[in-house]
Amino acid sequence: MEKTKCVICGKQITGYGNNPWPLADSGRCCDNCNGKVITARFERLLLKETGSAASAK
């Protein structure tokens, strides 16, 4: 398996890594940073559904 670095924190990824969108457009992210990615995805989803950033908080 190819050794890859996380595009968010720069640390070595164990395994296949995760899709970093929307925090990065390409590459892979580690499991630690994936929590930040999931949070950002939910925030975008809430923003899209409510149409307001203030409603997402």
N, C-alpha and C. Protein backbone atom coordinates (compact mmCIF):
# COMPACT_ATOMS: atom_id res chain seq x y z
N MET A 1 0.84 -1.19 0.00
CA MET A 1 0.00 0.00 0.00
C MET A 1 0.89 1.25 0.00
N GLU A 2 0.49 2.22 -0.77
CA GLU A 2 1.23 3.48 -0.89
C GLU A 2 1.11 4.30 0.38
N LYS A 3 2.21 4.91 0.80
CA LYS A 3 2.19 5.77 1.98
C LYS A 3 1.70 7.15 1.56
N THR A 4 0.73 7.66 2.30
CA THR A 4 0.11 8.93 1.96
C THR A 4 0.08 9.83 3.19
N LYS A 5 0.19 11.13 2.97
CA LYS A 5 0.08 12.10 4.06
C LYS A 5 -1.29 12.76 4.01
N CYS A 6 -1.82 13.08 5.17
CA CYS A 6 -3.09 13.78 5.31
C CYS A 6 -2.95 15.19 4.72
N VAL A 7 -3.90 15.57 3.87
CA VAL A 7 -3.86 16.91 3.26
C VAL A 7 -4.26 18.01 4.24
N ILE A 8 -4.78 17.64 5.41
CA ILE A 8 -5.21 18.64 6.39
C ILE A 8 -4.12 18.87 7.45
N CYS A 9 -3.62 17.78 8.06
CA CYS A 9 -2.64 17.94 9.14
C CYS A 9 -1.22 17.55 8.74
N GLY A 10 -1.06 16.83 7.62
CA GLY A 10 0.26 16.44 7.14
C GLY A 10 0.83 15.18 7.74
N LYS A 11 0.11 14.53 8.65
CA LYS A 11 0.58 13.29 9.26
C LYS A 11 0.38 12.10 8.33
N GLN A 12 1.14 11.04 8.58
CA GLN A 12 1.05 9.81 7.80
C GLN A 12 -0.34 9.18 7.99
N ILE A 13 -0.94 8.72 6.90
CA ILE A 13 -2.26 8.07 6.94
C ILE A 13 -2.06 6.57 7.07
N THR A 14 -2.79 5.96 7.99
CA THR A 14 -2.82 4.51 8.12
C THR A 14 -4.05 4.01 7.38
N GLY A 15 -3.86 3.06 6.48
CA GLY A 15 -4.99 2.55 5.71
C GLY A 15 -5.24 3.39 4.47
N TYR A 16 -6.49 3.44 4.05
CA TYR A 16 -6.84 4.13 2.81
C TYR A 16 -7.09 5.62 2.97
N GLY A 17 -7.38 6.07 4.18
CA GLY A 17 -7.69 7.47 4.39
C GLY A 17 -9.14 7.77 4.05
N ASN A 18 -9.49 9.04 4.08
CA ASN A 18 -10.87 9.48 3.89
C ASN A 18 -10.92 10.63 2.90
N ASN A 19 -12.09 10.84 2.33
CA ASN A 19 -12.34 11.95 1.42
C ASN A 19 -12.35 13.25 2.24
N PRO A 20 -11.47 14.21 1.94
CA PRO A 20 -11.38 15.41 2.75
C PRO A 20 -12.35 16.54 2.37
N TRP A 21 -13.19 16.36 1.36
CA TRP A 21 -14.11 17.41 0.94
C TRP A 21 -15.12 17.68 2.04
N PRO A 22 -15.40 18.89 2.42
CA PRO A 22 -15.17 20.17 1.77
C PRO A 22 -13.95 20.94 2.29
N LEU A 23 -13.14 20.34 3.14
CA LEU A 23 -11.97 21.06 3.65
C LEU A 23 -10.79 21.04 2.69
N ALA A 24 -10.78 20.12 1.75
CA ALA A 24 -9.77 20.05 0.69
C ALA A 24 -10.42 19.44 -0.54
N ASP A 25 -9.99 19.86 -1.70
CA ASP A 25 -10.59 19.38 -2.95
C ASP A 25 -9.95 18.12 -3.49
N SER A 26 -8.76 17.77 -3.00
CA SER A 26 -8.10 16.56 -3.49
C SER A 26 -7.28 15.94 -2.38
N GLY A 27 -6.78 14.75 -2.61
CA GLY A 27 -5.98 14.04 -1.63
C GLY A 27 -6.84 13.23 -0.69
N ARG A 28 -6.23 12.83 0.42
CA ARG A 28 -6.91 12.02 1.43
C ARG A 28 -6.64 12.63 2.80
N CYS A 29 -7.52 12.37 3.77
CA CYS A 29 -7.28 12.85 5.12
C CYS A 29 -7.26 11.66 6.09
N CYS A 30 -6.61 11.86 7.22
CA CYS A 30 -6.49 10.81 8.23
C CYS A 30 -7.81 10.68 9.02
N ASP A 31 -7.90 9.61 9.81
CA ASP A 31 -9.11 9.39 10.60
C ASP A 31 -9.33 10.50 11.62
N ASN A 32 -8.25 11.05 12.19
CA ASN A 32 -8.38 12.16 13.14
C ASN A 32 -9.04 13.37 12.50
N CYS A 33 -8.56 13.76 11.34
CA CYS A 33 -9.10 14.94 10.65
C CYS A 33 -10.46 14.67 10.04
N ASN A 34 -10.82 13.42 9.86
CA ASN A 34 -12.10 13.11 9.26
C ASN A 34 -13.26 13.65 10.11
N GLY A 35 -13.09 13.74 11.42
CA GLY A 35 -14.11 14.33 12.28
C GLY A 35 -14.39 15.78 11.91
N LYS A 36 -13.33 16.52 11.59
CA LYS A 36 -13.49 17.92 11.16
C LYS A 36 -14.22 17.98 9.82
N VAL A 37 -13.91 17.03 8.95
CA VAL A 37 -14.55 16.97 7.62
C VAL A 37 -16.04 16.70 7.77
N ILE A 38 -16.39 15.73 8.60
CA ILE A 38 -17.81 15.39 8.80
C ILE A 38 -18.57 16.57 9.38
N THR A 39 -17.96 17.26 10.35
CA THR A 39 -18.60 18.45 10.94
C THR A 39 -18.85 19.50 9.87
N ALA A 40 -17.86 19.74 9.03
CA ALA A 40 -18.01 20.73 7.95
C ALA A 40 -19.10 20.33 6.97
N ARG A 41 -19.21 19.04 6.69
CA ARG A 41 -20.28 18.57 5.78
C ARG A 41 -21.66 18.81 6.37
N PHE A 42 -21.81 18.50 7.67
CA PHE A 42 -23.09 18.74 8.32
C PHE A 42 -23.44 20.22 8.35
N GLU A 43 -22.44 21.07 8.60
CA GLU A 43 -22.68 22.51 8.62
C GLU A 43 -23.14 22.99 7.24
N ARG A 44 -22.53 22.48 6.19
CA ARG A 44 -22.94 22.85 4.82
C ARG A 44 -24.36 22.37 4.54
N LEU A 45 -24.68 21.17 5.00
CA LEU A 45 -26.01 20.62 4.79
C LEU A 45 -27.06 21.47 5.51
N LEU A 46 -26.78 21.83 6.76
CA LEU A 46 -27.70 22.67 7.51
C LEU A 46 -27.87 24.03 6.86
N LEU A 47 -26.78 24.60 6.39
CA LEU A 47 -26.81 25.89 5.72
C LEU A 47 -27.67 25.81 4.45
N LYS A 48 -27.50 24.73 3.71
CA LYS A 48 -28.27 24.54 2.47
C LYS A 48 -29.76 24.39 2.78
N GLU A 49 -30.10 23.63 3.84
CA GLU A 49 -31.50 23.38 4.17
C GLU A 49 -32.18 24.60 4.77
N THR A 50 -31.44 25.38 5.58
CA THR A 50 -32.05 26.52 6.26
C THR A 50 -31.86 27.81 5.49
N GLY A 51 -30.81 27.87 4.66
CA GLY A 51 -30.52 29.07 3.90
C GLY A 51 -29.91 30.18 4.71
N SER A 52 -29.49 29.86 5.95
CA SER A 52 -28.92 30.89 6.80
C SER A 52 -27.84 30.31 7.69
N ALA A 53 -26.70 30.97 7.77
CA ALA A 53 -25.60 30.52 8.62
C ALA A 53 -25.99 30.64 10.09
N ALA A 54 -26.76 31.66 10.45
CA ALA A 54 -27.16 31.86 11.84
C ALA A 54 -28.05 30.72 12.32
N SER A 55 -28.85 30.14 11.44
CA SER A 55 -29.73 29.04 11.82
C SER A 55 -28.97 27.75 12.05
N ALA A 56 -27.77 27.65 11.49
CA ALA A 56 -26.98 26.43 11.62
C ALA A 56 -26.27 26.34 12.96
N LYS A 57 -26.23 27.42 13.73
CA LYS A 57 -25.52 27.41 15.01
C LYS A 57 -26.41 27.11 16.16
